[in-house]
N, C-alpha and C. Protein backbone atom coordinates (compact mmCIF):
# COMPACT_ATOMS: atom_id res chain seq x y z
N MET A 1 0.99 -1.19 0.09
CA MET A 1 0.09 0.03 -0.23
C MET A 1 0.80 1.21 0.02
N SER A 2 0.59 2.24 -0.78
CA SER A 2 1.45 3.42 -0.86
C SER A 2 0.89 4.13 0.28
N SER A 3 2.02 5.07 0.43
CA SER A 3 1.56 6.31 1.41
C SER A 3 0.67 7.54 0.95
N HIS A 4 0.12 7.71 1.76
CA HIS A 4 -0.67 9.17 1.04
C HIS A 4 0.21 10.25 1.12
N PRO A 5 -0.38 11.05 -0.06
CA PRO A 5 0.64 12.53 -0.53
C PRO A 5 0.91 13.11 0.56
N LYS A 6 0.09 13.31 1.59
CA LYS A 6 0.20 14.39 2.45
C LYS A 6 0.98 13.77 3.60
N ASP A 7 0.91 12.42 4.14
CA ASP A 7 1.62 11.69 4.78
C ASP A 7 3.37 11.97 4.43
N VAL A 8 3.39 11.78 2.99
CA VAL A 8 4.86 11.93 2.57
C VAL A 8 5.47 13.02 2.81
N THR A 9 4.39 14.23 2.52
CA THR A 9 4.78 15.68 2.48
C THR A 9 5.20 16.11 4.58
N ALA A 10 4.37 15.48 4.88
CA ALA A 10 4.66 15.50 6.50
C ALA A 10 5.70 15.08 7.19
N THR A 11 6.06 13.80 6.43
CA THR A 11 7.51 13.33 6.60
C THR A 11 8.61 13.80 6.44
N ASP A 12 8.46 14.25 5.00
CA ASP A 12 9.57 15.20 4.63
C ASP A 12 9.69 16.64 5.29
N ARG A 13 8.96 17.07 5.66
CA ARG A 13 8.64 18.17 6.44
C ARG A 13 9.34 18.18 8.05
N GLU A 14 9.21 17.09 8.57
CA GLU A 14 9.51 16.63 9.67
C GLU A 14 11.20 16.41 9.54
N ARG A 15 11.83 15.65 8.45
CA ARG A 15 12.97 15.24 8.29
C ARG A 15 13.80 16.70 7.95
N ALA A 16 13.31 17.29 7.37
CA ALA A 16 13.58 18.69 7.23
C ALA A 16 13.83 19.41 8.10
N LYS A 17 13.09 19.53 9.18
CA LYS A 17 12.96 20.16 10.21
C LYS A 17 13.73 19.87 11.01
N ALA A 18 14.56 18.61 11.23
CA ALA A 18 15.06 17.87 12.10
C ALA A 18 16.45 18.11 11.86
N GLN A 19 16.89 17.91 10.15
CA GLN A 19 18.20 18.18 9.86
C GLN A 19 18.54 19.97 10.02
N ARG A 20 17.50 21.11 9.94
CA ARG A 20 17.85 22.28 10.17
C ARG A 20 18.31 22.57 12.12
N ARG A 21 17.56 21.52 12.68
CA ARG A 21 18.13 21.58 13.81
C ARG A 21 19.52 21.07 13.95
N GLU A 22 19.71 20.12 13.75
CA GLU A 22 21.02 19.34 13.49
C GLU A 22 22.31 20.47 13.20
N ASP A 23 21.66 21.31 11.51
CA ASP A 23 22.92 22.10 11.27
C ASP A 23 22.90 23.36 12.22
N LEU A 24 21.69 23.69 13.18
CA LEU A 24 21.72 24.80 14.09
C LEU A 24 22.88 24.31 14.93
N LEU A 25 22.58 23.15 15.84
CA LEU A 25 23.74 22.58 16.70
C LEU A 25 24.98 23.13 16.12
N SER A 26 25.08 22.19 14.54
CA SER A 26 26.79 22.13 14.46
C SER A 26 27.14 23.51 14.25
N GLU A 27 26.46 24.55 13.78
CA GLU A 27 27.00 25.61 13.42
C GLU A 27 27.18 26.33 15.13
N ALA A 28 26.47 26.20 16.14
CA ALA A 28 26.50 26.87 17.15
C ALA A 28 27.45 26.27 18.23
N THR A 29 27.95 24.97 17.88
CA THR A 29 29.11 24.39 18.58
C THR A 29 30.38 25.43 17.76
N ARG A 30 30.37 25.11 16.45
CA ARG A 30 31.71 26.19 15.74
C ARG A 30 31.73 27.54 16.54
N LEU A 31 30.44 28.09 16.03
CA LEU A 31 30.54 29.42 16.66
C LEU A 31 30.70 29.66 17.83
N PHE A 32 30.53 29.29 19.26
CA PHE A 32 30.65 28.90 20.48
C PHE A 32 32.15 28.79 20.55
N ALA A 33 32.82 28.12 19.97
CA ALA A 33 34.62 27.85 20.37
C ALA A 33 35.06 28.85 19.93
N ILE A 34 34.58 29.63 18.46
CA ILE A 34 35.09 30.47 18.06
C ILE A 34 35.05 31.90 19.09
N HIS A 35 34.19 32.22 19.39
CA HIS A 35 33.48 33.47 19.61
C HIS A 35 33.33 33.32 20.99
N GLY A 36 33.10 32.39 21.40
CA GLY A 36 32.17 32.48 22.92
C GLY A 36 30.89 32.35 23.04
N TYR A 37 30.38 31.74 24.20
CA TYR A 37 28.68 31.79 23.82
C TYR A 37 28.22 32.94 23.94
N ALA A 38 28.76 33.93 25.05
CA ALA A 38 28.32 35.41 25.00
C ALA A 38 28.43 36.26 23.56
N GLY A 39 29.35 36.00 22.67
CA GLY A 39 29.75 36.11 21.84
C GLY A 39 29.02 35.91 20.41
N VAL A 40 27.74 35.25 20.48
CA VAL A 40 27.01 34.69 19.45
C VAL A 40 25.80 35.27 19.62
N SER A 41 25.30 35.76 19.03
CA SER A 41 23.61 35.85 18.88
C SER A 41 22.89 35.08 17.95
N LEU A 42 21.57 35.07 18.70
CA LEU A 42 20.42 34.30 17.43
C LEU A 42 20.46 34.56 16.01
N GLU A 43 20.70 35.81 15.93
CA GLU A 43 20.78 36.35 14.49
C GLU A 43 22.37 35.89 13.74
N ASP A 44 23.27 35.68 14.50
CA ASP A 44 24.60 35.12 14.29
C ASP A 44 24.22 33.92 13.73
N LEU A 45 23.74 32.76 14.74
CA LEU A 45 23.48 31.39 14.33
C LEU A 45 22.56 31.45 12.94
N GLY A 46 21.35 32.23 13.04
CA GLY A 46 20.59 31.84 12.08
C GLY A 46 21.14 32.23 10.72
N ALA A 47 22.29 32.97 10.60
CA ALA A 47 22.60 33.75 9.34
C ALA A 47 23.82 32.57 9.19
N ALA A 48 24.37 31.79 9.95
CA ALA A 48 25.11 30.76 9.42
C ALA A 48 24.58 29.95 9.02
N CYS A 49 23.20 29.37 9.03
CA CYS A 49 22.62 28.39 8.60
C CYS A 49 21.55 28.99 7.42
N GLY A 50 21.64 30.23 7.03
CA GLY A 50 20.83 30.66 6.01
C GLY A 50 19.57 31.00 6.27
N ILE A 51 19.42 31.28 7.68
CA ILE A 51 17.95 31.67 7.74
C ILE A 51 18.17 32.94 8.95
N SER A 52 16.77 33.53 9.36
CA SER A 52 16.73 34.64 9.93
C SER A 52 16.89 34.32 11.37
N GLY A 53 17.28 35.09 12.34
CA GLY A 53 17.35 34.99 13.87
C GLY A 53 15.41 34.47 14.37
N PRO A 54 14.99 35.24 13.78
CA PRO A 54 13.58 35.03 14.54
C PRO A 54 13.42 33.44 14.18
N ALA A 55 13.76 32.88 12.85
CA ALA A 55 13.46 31.54 12.56
C ALA A 55 14.10 30.85 13.46
N VAL A 56 15.28 30.86 14.19
CA VAL A 56 15.73 29.94 14.96
C VAL A 56 14.83 29.44 15.97
N TYR A 57 13.77 30.42 16.36
CA TYR A 57 12.84 30.20 17.41
C TYR A 57 11.85 29.14 16.94
N ARG A 58 11.82 28.58 15.91
CA ARG A 58 11.14 27.74 15.42
C ARG A 58 11.51 25.85 15.89
N HIS A 59 13.00 26.00 16.35
CA HIS A 59 13.80 25.15 16.87
C HIS A 59 14.31 25.00 18.50
N PHE A 60 14.23 26.42 18.53
CA PHE A 60 14.83 26.03 20.49
C PHE A 60 14.16 27.76 20.95
N SER A 61 13.84 27.51 21.85
CA SER A 61 13.06 28.74 22.95
C SER A 61 14.14 29.95 23.14
N GLY A 62 15.54 29.32 22.74
CA GLY A 62 16.47 30.93 23.03
C GLY A 62 17.94 30.26 22.84
N LYS A 63 18.43 30.97 23.19
CA LYS A 63 20.14 30.89 22.82
C LYS A 63 20.48 29.70 24.44
N PRO A 64 19.70 29.77 25.51
CA PRO A 64 20.06 29.01 26.18
C PRO A 64 19.90 27.83 26.09
N ALA A 65 18.53 27.46 25.45
CA ALA A 65 18.08 26.30 25.02
C ALA A 65 18.75 25.56 23.87
N VAL A 66 19.51 26.20 22.94
CA VAL A 66 20.50 25.79 22.32
C VAL A 66 22.04 25.01 23.08
N LEU A 67 22.36 25.90 24.10
CA LEU A 67 23.45 25.35 24.82
C LEU A 67 23.13 24.12 25.54
N ILE A 68 22.17 24.00 26.24
CA ILE A 68 21.65 22.75 26.93
C ILE A 68 21.60 21.76 26.36
N ALA A 69 20.93 21.78 24.84
CA ALA A 69 20.76 20.80 23.78
C ALA A 69 22.15 20.24 23.54
N LEU A 70 23.28 21.18 23.61
CA LEU A 70 24.44 21.11 23.10
C LEU A 70 25.49 19.80 24.18
N LEU A 71 25.23 20.86 25.55
CA LEU A 71 25.85 20.10 26.27
C LEU A 71 25.40 18.82 26.73
N VAL A 72 24.16 18.59 26.99
CA VAL A 72 23.29 17.55 27.41
C VAL A 72 23.69 16.56 26.41
N GLY A 73 23.65 16.94 25.08
CA GLY A 73 23.64 16.19 24.03
C GLY A 73 24.72 15.25 24.07
N VAL A 74 26.01 16.00 23.94
CA VAL A 74 27.38 15.48 24.12
C VAL A 74 27.64 14.76 25.43
N SER A 75 27.05 14.99 26.49
CA SER A 75 27.45 13.92 27.56
C SER A 75 26.69 12.51 27.62
N GLN A 76 25.23 12.85 26.83
CA GLN A 76 24.67 11.40 26.48
C GLN A 76 24.94 10.68 25.33
N ASP A 77 25.41 11.29 24.73
CA ASP A 77 26.55 10.33 23.49
C ASP A 77 27.44 9.62 24.15
N LEU A 78 28.29 10.55 24.68
CA LEU A 78 29.40 9.70 25.49
C LEU A 78 28.87 8.37 26.17
N LEU A 79 28.12 8.91 26.99
CA LEU A 79 27.68 7.72 27.95
C LEU A 79 27.11 6.49 27.15
N ASP A 80 26.43 6.76 25.96
CA ASP A 80 25.87 5.93 25.36
C ASP A 80 26.87 4.67 24.60
N GLY A 81 27.92 5.71 23.74
CA GLY A 81 29.10 5.14 23.01
C GLY A 81 29.59 4.35 24.36
N GLY A 82 30.32 4.91 25.31
CA GLY A 82 30.84 4.14 26.52
C GLY A 82 30.20 2.92 26.74
N ARG A 83 28.96 3.17 27.05
CA ARG A 83 28.07 1.75 27.56
C ARG A 83 28.47 0.64 26.43
N GLU A 84 28.25 0.71 25.32
CA GLU A 84 28.23 0.18 24.04
C GLU A 84 29.66 -0.65 24.14
N VAL A 85 30.60 0.00 24.28
CA VAL A 85 31.84 -0.47 24.74
C VAL A 85 32.27 -1.45 25.46
N ALA A 86 31.88 -1.01 26.57
CA ALA A 86 32.04 -1.70 28.10
C ALA A 86 30.95 -3.12 28.16
N ALA A 87 29.89 -2.88 27.22
CA ALA A 87 29.31 -4.09 26.94
C ALA A 87 29.98 -5.36 25.98
N THR A 88 30.91 -5.26 25.57
CA THR A 88 31.23 -6.17 24.68
C THR A 88 31.88 -7.21 25.64
N GLY A 89 31.77 -7.59 26.55
CA GLY A 89 32.26 -8.46 27.56
C GLY A 89 33.65 -8.60 27.77
N ASP A 90 34.41 -8.15 26.94
CA ASP A 90 36.01 -8.31 27.01
C ASP A 90 36.64 -7.93 28.40
N THR A 91 37.76 -8.42 28.64
CA THR A 91 38.62 -8.59 29.71
C THR A 91 38.55 -6.81 30.39
N ALA A 92 38.97 -6.89 31.41
CA ALA A 92 38.71 -5.12 31.82
C ALA A 92 40.00 -4.70 31.14
N ALA A 93 41.23 -5.18 30.63
CA ALA A 93 42.26 -4.53 30.23
C ALA A 93 41.84 -4.14 28.65
N GLU A 94 41.35 -5.12 28.13
CA GLU A 94 40.74 -4.72 26.78
C GLU A 94 39.83 -3.80 26.46
N THR A 95 38.61 -3.62 27.48
CA THR A 95 37.45 -2.86 27.52
C THR A 95 38.07 -1.38 27.77
N LEU A 96 39.23 -1.52 28.93
CA LEU A 96 39.77 0.18 29.31
C LEU A 96 40.44 0.32 27.88
N LYS A 97 41.20 -0.41 27.05
CA LYS A 97 41.75 0.15 25.74
C LYS A 97 40.77 0.36 24.65
N ARG A 98 39.46 -0.22 24.64
CA ARG A 98 38.57 0.10 23.62
C ARG A 98 38.11 1.14 24.38
N LEU A 99 37.68 1.86 25.53
CA LEU A 99 37.20 3.09 25.97
C LEU A 99 38.21 4.00 25.65
N ILE A 100 39.87 3.98 26.09
CA ILE A 100 40.43 5.04 25.27
C ILE A 100 40.44 5.26 23.84
N ALA A 101 40.14 4.18 22.89
CA ALA A 101 39.98 4.40 21.68
C ALA A 101 38.74 5.27 21.49
N PHE A 102 38.09 4.91 21.85
CA PHE A 102 36.38 5.58 21.87
C PHE A 102 36.62 6.78 22.10
N HIS A 103 37.34 7.23 23.49
CA HIS A 103 37.25 8.91 23.63
C HIS A 103 38.43 9.39 22.94
N THR A 104 39.29 8.71 22.45
CA THR A 104 40.18 9.66 21.47
C THR A 104 39.65 10.12 20.11
N ASP A 105 38.91 9.08 20.05
CA ASP A 105 37.99 9.24 18.63
C ASP A 105 37.07 10.38 18.75
N PHE A 106 36.37 10.37 19.75
CA PHE A 106 35.57 11.41 20.21
C PHE A 106 36.18 13.06 20.15
N ALA A 107 37.48 12.67 20.91
CA ALA A 107 37.95 14.51 20.93
C ALA A 107 38.59 14.59 19.74
N LEU A 108 39.11 13.87 18.87
CA LEU A 108 39.77 14.00 17.60
C LEU A 108 38.66 14.83 16.82
N ALA A 109 37.28 13.84 16.77
CA ALA A 109 36.77 14.26 15.71
C ALA A 109 36.01 15.81 16.20
N ARG A 110 35.64 15.97 17.72
CA ARG A 110 34.81 16.58 18.03
C ARG A 110 35.28 18.06 19.01
N PRO A 111 36.34 18.73 18.90
CA PRO A 111 37.12 19.32 19.51
C PRO A 111 36.32 20.78 20.02
N ASP A 112 35.72 21.37 18.90
CA ASP A 112 34.83 22.27 19.33
C ASP A 112 34.01 22.40 20.51
N ILE A 113 33.37 21.15 20.50
CA ILE A 113 32.45 20.89 21.53
C ILE A 113 33.05 20.82 23.11
N ILE A 114 34.20 20.33 22.97
CA ILE A 114 35.07 20.09 24.09
C ILE A 114 35.07 21.59 24.57
N GLN A 115 35.89 22.22 24.07
CA GLN A 115 36.13 23.52 24.03
C GLN A 115 34.79 24.40 24.26
N VAL A 116 33.70 24.23 24.17
CA VAL A 116 32.58 25.08 24.52
C VAL A 116 32.05 24.46 25.92
N GLN A 117 32.30 23.25 26.26
CA GLN A 117 31.99 22.78 27.52
C GLN A 117 32.96 22.81 28.53
N ASP A 118 34.21 23.02 28.52
CA ASP A 118 34.94 23.76 29.30
C ASP A 118 34.72 24.91 29.82
N ARG A 119 34.29 25.74 28.86
CA ARG A 119 34.12 27.36 29.02
C ARG A 119 32.73 27.62 29.46
N ASN A 120 31.51 27.01 28.98
CA ASN A 120 30.16 27.24 29.17
C ASN A 120 29.47 26.48 30.22
N LEU A 121 30.13 25.34 30.70
CA LEU A 121 29.41 24.19 31.58
C LEU A 121 28.74 24.85 32.68
N GLU A 122 29.24 25.98 33.36
CA GLU A 122 28.70 26.38 34.25
C GLU A 122 27.43 27.61 34.05
N THR A 123 27.48 27.76 32.79
CA THR A 123 26.43 28.47 32.63
C THR A 123 24.96 28.00 32.48
N LEU A 124 25.14 26.82 32.66
CA LEU A 124 23.81 25.84 31.73
C LEU A 124 22.90 26.25 33.53
N PRO A 125 21.34 26.07 33.33
CA PRO A 125 20.69 26.32 34.28
C PRO A 125 20.88 25.33 35.26
N ALA A 126 20.41 25.38 36.43
CA ALA A 126 20.78 24.24 37.63
C ALA A 126 20.50 22.86 37.15
N PRO A 127 19.07 22.63 36.68
CA PRO A 127 18.82 21.03 36.47
C PRO A 127 19.64 20.64 35.51
N GLU A 128 19.66 21.52 34.53
CA GLU A 128 20.33 20.94 33.45
C GLU A 128 22.01 20.64 33.62
N LEU A 129 22.57 21.42 34.45
CA LEU A 129 23.99 21.35 34.84
C LEU A 129 23.86 19.99 35.71
N GLN A 130 22.84 19.89 36.69
CA GLN A 130 22.89 18.38 37.47
C GLN A 130 22.65 17.14 36.58
N LEU A 131 22.05 17.00 35.62
CA LEU A 131 21.90 15.98 34.66
C LEU A 131 23.01 15.97 34.14
N VAL A 132 23.54 16.95 33.58
CA VAL A 132 25.22 16.95 32.65
C VAL A 132 25.92 15.85 33.92
N ARG A 133 26.00 16.70 34.83
CA ARG A 133 27.06 16.27 36.26
C ARG A 133 26.92 14.43 36.10
N LYS A 134 25.32 13.98 36.43
CA LYS A 134 25.30 12.86 36.38
C LYS A 134 25.32 12.05 35.35
N LEU A 135 25.48 12.21 34.37
CA LEU A 135 26.04 11.67 33.17
C LEU A 135 27.05 11.57 32.89
N GLN A 136 27.90 12.69 33.37
CA GLN A 136 29.39 12.13 33.25
C GLN A 136 29.92 11.58 34.56
N ARG A 137 28.94 11.36 35.52
CA ARG A 137 29.56 10.48 36.43
C ARG A 137 29.15 9.23 36.04
N GLU A 138 28.30 8.93 35.37
CA GLU A 138 27.88 7.55 35.04
C GLU A 138 29.25 6.95 33.77
N TYR A 139 29.47 7.99 33.35
CA TYR A 139 30.50 7.56 32.10
C TYR A 139 31.96 7.40 32.94
N ILE A 140 31.93 8.27 33.92
CA ILE A 140 33.26 8.03 34.57
C ILE A 140 33.36 6.49 35.37
N ALA A 141 31.97 6.23 35.98
CA ALA A 141 32.17 4.99 36.45
C ALA A 141 32.28 3.63 35.41
N LEU A 142 32.15 3.95 34.02
CA LEU A 142 32.67 2.84 33.22
C LEU A 142 33.81 2.60 32.99
N TRP A 143 34.98 3.69 33.27
CA TRP A 143 35.93 3.76 33.32
C TRP A 143 36.60 2.75 35.03
N THR A 144 35.79 3.66 35.87
CA THR A 144 36.60 3.18 36.93
C THR A 144 36.52 2.10 37.51
N GLU A 145 35.13 1.64 37.06
CA GLU A 145 35.05 -0.12 37.10
C GLU A 145 36.31 -0.94 36.46
N GLN A 146 36.58 -0.69 35.36
CA GLN A 146 37.43 -1.36 34.84
C GLN A 146 39.38 -1.27 35.42
N LEU A 147 39.18 -0.10 36.11
CA LEU A 147 40.23 0.47 36.81
C LEU A 147 40.50 -0.71 37.93
N HIS A 148 39.33 -0.72 38.55
CA HIS A 148 39.22 -1.48 40.14
C HIS A 148 39.64 -2.42 39.44
N ARG A 149 39.30 -3.15 38.73
CA ARG A 149 39.73 -4.52 38.27
C ARG A 149 41.15 -4.99 37.70
N ILE A 150 41.48 -3.91 37.36
CA ILE A 150 42.92 -3.80 36.95
C ILE A 150 44.01 -3.74 37.94
N HIS A 151 43.41 -2.38 39.13
CA HIS A 151 44.32 -2.41 40.38
C HIS A 151 43.63 -2.29 41.36
N PRO A 152 43.20 -3.37 41.86
CA PRO A 152 42.49 -4.11 43.00
C PRO A 152 42.94 -3.30 44.21
N GLN A 153 44.35 -2.67 44.02
CA GLN A 153 44.67 -2.73 45.84
C GLN A 153 44.52 -1.00 45.68
N GLU A 154 43.77 -0.71 44.84
CA GLU A 154 44.14 1.28 44.79
C GLU A 154 42.68 1.61 45.21
N THR A 155 42.84 2.87 45.86
CA THR A 155 41.78 3.56 46.81
C THR A 155 40.79 3.99 45.44
N ASN A 156 39.49 4.36 45.80
CA ASN A 156 38.96 5.17 44.78
C ASN A 156 39.32 6.33 44.47
N ALA A 157 39.92 6.96 45.54
CA ALA A 157 40.72 8.59 44.72
C ALA A 157 41.83 8.02 44.04
N VAL A 158 42.20 7.15 44.31
CA VAL A 158 43.36 7.10 43.15
C VAL A 158 42.78 6.42 41.78
N ILE A 159 41.88 5.84 42.04
CA ILE A 159 41.13 5.30 40.65
C ILE A 159 40.94 6.74 39.77
N ARG A 160 39.86 7.38 40.43
CA ARG A 160 39.23 8.36 40.07
C ARG A 160 40.24 9.50 39.51
N PHE A 161 41.33 9.27 40.10
CA PHE A 161 41.90 10.47 39.79
C PHE A 161 43.04 10.32 38.36
N ARG A 162 43.22 8.62 38.15
CA ARG A 162 43.76 7.95 36.85
C ARG A 162 42.74 8.65 36.01
N ALA A 163 41.36 7.86 36.14
CA ALA A 163 40.30 8.35 35.16
C ALA A 163 40.11 9.87 34.60
N HIS A 164 40.23 10.87 35.49
CA HIS A 164 40.38 12.49 35.49
C HIS A 164 41.66 12.60 34.39
N ALA A 165 42.88 12.04 34.88
CA ALA A 165 43.90 12.55 34.04
C ALA A 165 44.08 11.89 32.88
N ALA A 166 43.56 10.71 32.89
CA ALA A 166 43.29 10.16 31.20
C ALA A 166 42.29 11.06 30.17
N PHE A 167 41.33 11.79 30.92
CA PHE A 167 40.15 12.76 29.88
C PHE A 167 40.77 14.14 29.78
N GLY A 168 41.86 14.42 31.29
CA GLY A 168 42.38 15.61 30.72
C GLY A 168 43.42 15.45 29.24
N LEU A 169 44.06 14.23 29.50
CA LEU A 169 44.86 14.61 28.39
C LEU A 169 43.94 14.19 26.98
N LEU A 170 43.30 13.42 27.09
CA LEU A 170 42.46 13.06 25.89
C LEU A 170 41.85 14.30 25.43
N ASN A 171 41.35 15.17 26.26
CA ASN A 171 40.28 16.19 25.94
C ASN A 171 41.28 17.53 25.59
N SER A 172 42.79 17.51 25.69
CA SER A 172 43.70 18.42 25.13
C SER A 172 43.49 18.50 23.81
N THR A 173 43.20 17.84 22.88
CA THR A 173 42.98 17.89 21.75
C THR A 173 42.36 18.82 20.95
N ALA A 174 41.65 19.67 22.21
CA ALA A 174 40.45 20.45 21.32
C ALA A 174 41.48 21.67 21.63
N HIS A 175 42.59 21.57 21.76
CA HIS A 175 43.32 23.00 21.56
C HIS A 175 44.67 22.54 20.84
N SER A 176 44.83 21.54 20.02
CA SER A 176 45.95 21.26 18.99
C SER A 176 45.27 20.59 17.73
N ALA A 177 43.80 19.96 18.09
CA ALA A 177 43.28 18.94 16.62
C ALA A 177 43.23 19.97 15.63
N HIS A 178 43.06 21.41 15.66
CA HIS A 178 42.64 22.34 14.86
C HIS A 178 44.15 22.57 13.58
N SER A 179 44.92 22.33 14.38
CA SER A 179 46.30 22.72 13.62
C SER A 179 46.80 22.08 12.29
N PRO A 180 47.10 22.44 11.20
CA PRO A 180 47.30 21.71 10.14
C PRO A 180 48.45 21.12 10.12
N ARG A 181 49.20 21.18 11.15
CA ARG A 181 50.68 20.87 10.98
C ARG A 181 50.64 19.33 11.96
N THR A 182 49.29 19.19 12.33
CA THR A 182 48.92 17.84 13.23
C THR A 182 48.60 16.92 12.49
N SER A 183 49.52 15.72 12.67
CA SER A 183 48.44 14.55 11.61
C SER A 183 47.94 13.41 12.78
N LYS A 184 46.63 13.57 12.36
CA LYS A 184 45.61 12.81 13.52
C LYS A 184 45.58 11.58 13.62
N ALA A 185 46.18 10.92 12.80
CA ALA A 185 46.95 9.43 12.78
C ALA A 185 47.85 9.29 13.97
N GLY A 186 49.03 9.88 13.46
CA GLY A 186 49.86 10.20 14.70
C GLY A 186 49.26 10.55 15.85
N LEU A 187 48.43 11.45 16.15
CA LEU A 187 47.86 12.07 17.39
C LEU A 187 47.48 11.11 18.12
N ARG A 188 46.67 10.24 17.52
CA ARG A 188 45.56 9.18 17.79
C ARG A 188 46.59 8.23 18.50
N ARG A 189 47.17 7.73 17.94
CA ARG A 189 48.41 6.81 18.44
C ARG A 189 48.77 7.56 19.38
N LEU A 190 49.29 8.74 19.71
CA LEU A 190 50.04 8.93 20.76
C LEU A 190 49.12 9.24 21.92
N LEU A 191 47.78 9.43 21.60
CA LEU A 191 46.94 9.76 22.70
C LEU A 191 46.59 8.30 23.44
N ASN A 192 46.71 7.54 22.44
CA ASN A 192 46.62 6.11 23.02
C ASN A 192 47.38 5.67 24.02
N GLN A 193 48.45 5.97 23.31
CA GLN A 193 49.73 5.01 24.05
C GLN A 193 49.94 5.96 25.68
N MET A 194 49.50 7.54 25.25
CA MET A 194 49.70 8.19 26.75
C MET A 194 49.10 7.93 27.76
N ALA A 195 47.66 7.71 27.19
CA ALA A 195 46.14 7.43 28.37
C ALA A 195 46.52 5.92 28.49
N ALA A 196 47.23 5.00 28.04
CA ALA A 196 47.12 3.81 28.69
C ALA A 196 48.34 3.84 29.68
N SER A 197 49.46 4.69 29.21
CA SER A 197 50.17 4.66 30.53
C SER A 197 49.73 5.11 31.72
N ALA A 198 48.84 6.20 31.66
CA ALA A 198 48.38 6.67 32.66
C ALA A 198 47.50 5.80 33.49
N LEU A 199 46.67 5.21 33.02
CA LEU A 199 45.71 4.26 33.46
C LEU A 199 46.45 2.87 33.68
N PHE A 200 47.30 2.14 33.00
CA PHE A 200 47.87 1.03 33.56
C PHE A 200 49.11 0.87 34.28
N THR A 201 49.87 1.89 34.31
CA THR A 201 51.15 1.67 35.13
C THR A 201 50.86 1.74 36.46
N PRO A 202 51.43 0.81 37.17
CA PRO A 202 51.08 0.36 38.71
C PRO A 202 51.86 2.05 39.40
N VAL A 203 50.86 2.13 40.25
CA VAL A 203 51.84 3.42 41.29
C VAL A 203 52.96 2.91 42.02
N GLY A 204 53.79 3.36 41.92
CA GLY A 204 55.30 3.05 42.69
C GLY A 204 56.37 2.41 42.07
């Protein structure tokens, strides 16, 4: 049975609206990273996507809603991806290596969103900030679970320090990945090796 023409049109409109929203989020990430959240207006964002500033309101209630969508979205993406990695059933060492590779690929692919989060996380309204913190804690727990299995003698504080040190290292690509002199393949290998050293090397 063929779809009714009106149904097809409605579906096309929904698809176009969803794509426009993704385009706005992509441009917002780029502009916020370059100019800062405070330095970008809805008119700037609309112009970057070929629409007027007021047309942005068809997709977001305002600029804070754009930032919420970006930062909640990236935290959820990381958690979902990390859970997929952790569900493979490998040994703790193999799972941790896969988590390192997953986060390295994320950091190299999305340096702009890392910059936006670093600069603007505390700008979020309290409920959304709490949600992002919750998602981040759940993501960190994926790493610390494996680390506890690898280093059963270490305290929770040391395990968490290892994890945060690795995140700091991997997320530092937000300040170097744009360089035309940077080979991403070489940087990926180096980051994987350095993060593995921070996570696997016994203390003392």
